[in-house]
Structure formats: C-alpha cells, structure tokens
Amino acid sequence: MPGRERPGSPFGAAGRLARLRATLIRVRDLWRDFTGESAYDRYVERHRRTHPDHEPLSERQWWRARADVDERNVSTGCC
C-alpha cells in the first residue's frame, strides 16, 4: 500500500532514528579526532596490543608526557 511503511523498514521511523544515531556517533568521533580527545584512547588501544604484560599510563600521566615532548620539540614552522 503506498504511503504505508513497514515496521523496521529502512524508511520507517526506527530506520531514520538508527541512521540519525549512527550519523551523530560518527560526527562525535570525527570531532574527538579533530580536537585530539581520542589520542589517549588510541594510545591505550595500541599499548594493550603491543604491551599486554603491563598497564598503560594513566590519562593524566600520558597527557603530561605528551606535553613534555611538545615542549622539548618546539618548531617554528620554518626550515
């Protein structure tokens, strides 16, 4: 019947909500990547894969270490 949508149809309300939710999650992930918020999460994921025998740095320790590296390696952006 035209104009009637089946429940669970990708064109129904549930399908639209699912697509909206997926889009919002992707936007949030992109924003976290853009602002650097996801850097610690990536560090923990990689650390657990490559060094499963010990715990990764805490988030506070990791950000401090990253700031220390940035402070030691200042670039003027030229040559």
C-alpha atoms as a PDB file:
ATOM      1  CA  MET A   1       0.000   0.000   0.000  1.00  0.00           C
ATOM      2  CA  PRO A   2       1.518   3.379  -0.931  1.00  0.00           C
ATOM      3  CA  GLY A   3       2.246   5.716   1.950  1.00  0.00           C
ATOM      4  CA  ARG A   4       2.433   2.890   4.490  1.00  0.00           C
ATOM      5  CA  GLU A   5       5.805   1.983   5.928  1.00  0.00           C
ATOM      6  CA  ARG A   6       6.542  -1.387   7.415  1.00  0.00           C
ATOM      7  CA  PRO A   7       7.984  -1.507  10.943  1.00  0.00           C
ATOM      8  CA  GLY A   8      11.756  -1.925  10.754  1.00  0.00           C
ATOM      9  CA  SER A   9      11.818  -0.616   7.211  1.00  0.00           C
ATOM     10  CA  PRO A  10      14.897   1.484   6.481  1.00  0.00           C
ATOM     11  CA  PHE A  11      12.455   4.232   5.549  1.00  0.00           C
ATOM     12  CA  GLY A  12      10.381   3.949   8.749  1.00  0.00           C
ATOM     13  CA  ALA A  13      10.811   5.966  11.924  1.00  0.00           C
ATOM     14  CA  ALA A  14      13.032   3.306  13.513  1.00  0.00           C
ATOM     15  CA  GLY A  15      15.280   3.263  10.450  1.00  0.00           C
ATOM     16  CA  ARG A  16      15.546   7.037  10.411  1.00  0.00           C
ATOM     17  CA  LEU A  17      16.390   7.106  14.122  1.00  0.00           C
ATOM     18  CA  ALA A  18      19.045   4.435  13.647  1.00  0.00           C
ATOM     19  CA  ARG A  19      20.627   6.386  10.780  1.00  0.00           C
ATOM     20  CA  LEU A  20      20.490   9.611  12.812  1.00  0.00           C
ATOM     21  CA  ARG A  21      22.131   7.890  15.778  1.00  0.00           C
ATOM     22  CA  ALA A  22      24.870   6.420  13.555  1.00  0.00           C
ATOM     23  CA  THR A  23      25.461   9.831  11.983  1.00  0.00           C
ATOM     24  CA  LEU A  24      25.693  11.555  15.380  1.00  0.00           C
ATOM     25  CA  ILE A  25      28.144   8.925  16.635  1.00  0.00           C
ATOM     26  CA  ARG A  26      30.309   9.423  13.541  1.00  0.00           C
ATOM     27  CA  VAL A  27      30.211  13.223  13.972  1.00  0.00           C
ATOM     28  CA  ARG A  28      31.221  12.849  17.630  1.00  0.00           C
ATOM     29  CA  ASP A  29      34.106  10.544  16.672  1.00  0.00           C
ATOM     30  CA  LEU A  30      35.293  12.956  13.993  1.00  0.00           C
ATOM     31  CA  TRP A  31      35.110  15.861  16.452  1.00  0.00           C
ATOM     32  CA  ARG A  32      37.121  13.903  19.043  1.00  0.00           C
ATOM     33  CA  ASP A  33      39.750  13.132  16.380  1.00  0.00           C
ATOM     34  CA  PHE A  34      39.841  16.775  15.268  1.00  0.00           C
ATOM     35  CA  THR A  35      40.281  18.126  18.820  1.00  0.00           C
ATOM     36  CA  GLY A  36      42.749  15.420  19.895  1.00  0.00           C
ATOM     37  CA  GLU A  37      40.462  13.963  22.563  1.00  0.00           C
ATOM     38  CA  SER A  38      40.720  10.481  21.054  1.00  0.00           C
ATOM     39  CA  ALA A  39      44.547  10.422  21.184  1.00  0.00           C
ATOM     40  CA  TYR A  40      44.651   8.819  24.643  1.00  0.00           C
ATOM     41  CA  ASP A  41      42.097   6.187  23.622  1.00  0.00           C
ATOM     42  CA  ARG A  42      44.258   5.274  20.611  1.00  0.00           C
ATOM     43  CA  TYR A  43      47.334   5.100  22.858  1.00  0.00           C
ATOM     44  CA  VAL A  44      45.608   2.737  25.297  1.00  0.00           C
ATOM     45  CA  GLU A  45      44.342   0.513  22.476  1.00  0.00           C
ATOM     46  CA  ARG A  46      47.806   0.266  20.883  1.00  0.00           C
ATOM     47  CA  HIS A  47      49.537  -0.187  24.258  1.00  0.00           C
ATOM     48  CA  ARG A  48      47.270  -3.082  25.239  1.00  0.00           C
ATOM     49  CA  ARG A  49      48.023  -4.785  21.890  1.00  0.00           C
ATOM     50  CA  THR A  50      51.778  -4.333  21.996  1.00  0.00           C
ATOM     51  CA  HIS A  51      52.452  -4.457  25.767  1.00  0.00           C
ATOM     52  CA  PRO A  52      49.785  -6.695  27.353  1.00  0.00           C
ATOM     53  CA  ASP A  53      52.123  -7.500  30.247  1.00  0.00           C
ATOM     54  CA  HIS A  54      51.758  -4.102  31.945  1.00  0.00           C
ATOM     55  CA  GLU A  55      49.261  -1.309  32.361  1.00  0.00           C
ATOM     56  CA  PRO A  56      49.358   1.811  30.193  1.00  0.00           C
ATOM     57  CA  LEU A  57      49.999   5.248  31.660  1.00  0.00           C
ATOM     58  CA  SER A  58      47.058   6.931  33.315  1.00  0.00           C
ATOM     59  CA  GLU A  59      45.376   9.581  31.188  1.00  0.00           C
ATOM     60  CA  ARG A  60      46.909  12.340  33.315  1.00  0.00           C
ATOM     61  CA  GLN A  61      50.410  10.830  33.013  1.00  0.00           C
ATOM     62  CA  TRP A  62      50.014  10.379  29.263  1.00  0.00           C
ATOM     63  CA  TRP A  63      48.899  13.985  28.635  1.00  0.00           C
ATOM     64  CA  ARG A  64      51.775  15.262  30.813  1.00  0.00           C
ATOM     65  CA  ALA A  65      54.291  13.146  28.845  1.00  0.00           C
ATOM     66  CA  ARG A  66      52.825  14.375  25.580  1.00  0.00           C
ATOM     67  CA  ALA A  67      53.061  17.999  26.734  1.00  0.00           C
ATOM     68  CA  ASP A  68      56.693  17.428  27.782  1.00  0.00           C
ATOM     69  CA  VAL A  69      57.545  16.090  24.318  1.00  0.00           C
ATOM     70  CA  ASP A  70      55.808  19.063  22.693  1.00  0.00           C
ATOM     71  CA  GLU A  71      57.733  21.482  24.915  1.00  0.00           C
ATOM     72  CA  ARG A  72      61.082  19.876  24.064  1.00  0.00           C
ATOM     73  CA  ASN A  73      60.373  19.776  20.320  1.00  0.00           C
ATOM     74  CA  VAL A  74      59.237  23.294  19.532  1.00  0.00           C
ATOM     75  CA  SER A  75      59.018  24.005  15.831  1.00  0.00           C
ATOM     76  CA  THR A  76      58.986  27.478  14.378  1.00  0.00           C
ATOM     77  CA  GLY A  77      57.350  26.141  11.246  1.00  0.00           C
ATOM     78  CA  CYS A  78      60.239  27.208   9.089  1.00  0.00           C
ATOM     79  CA  CYS A  79      63.109  25.166   7.686  1.00  0.00           C
END
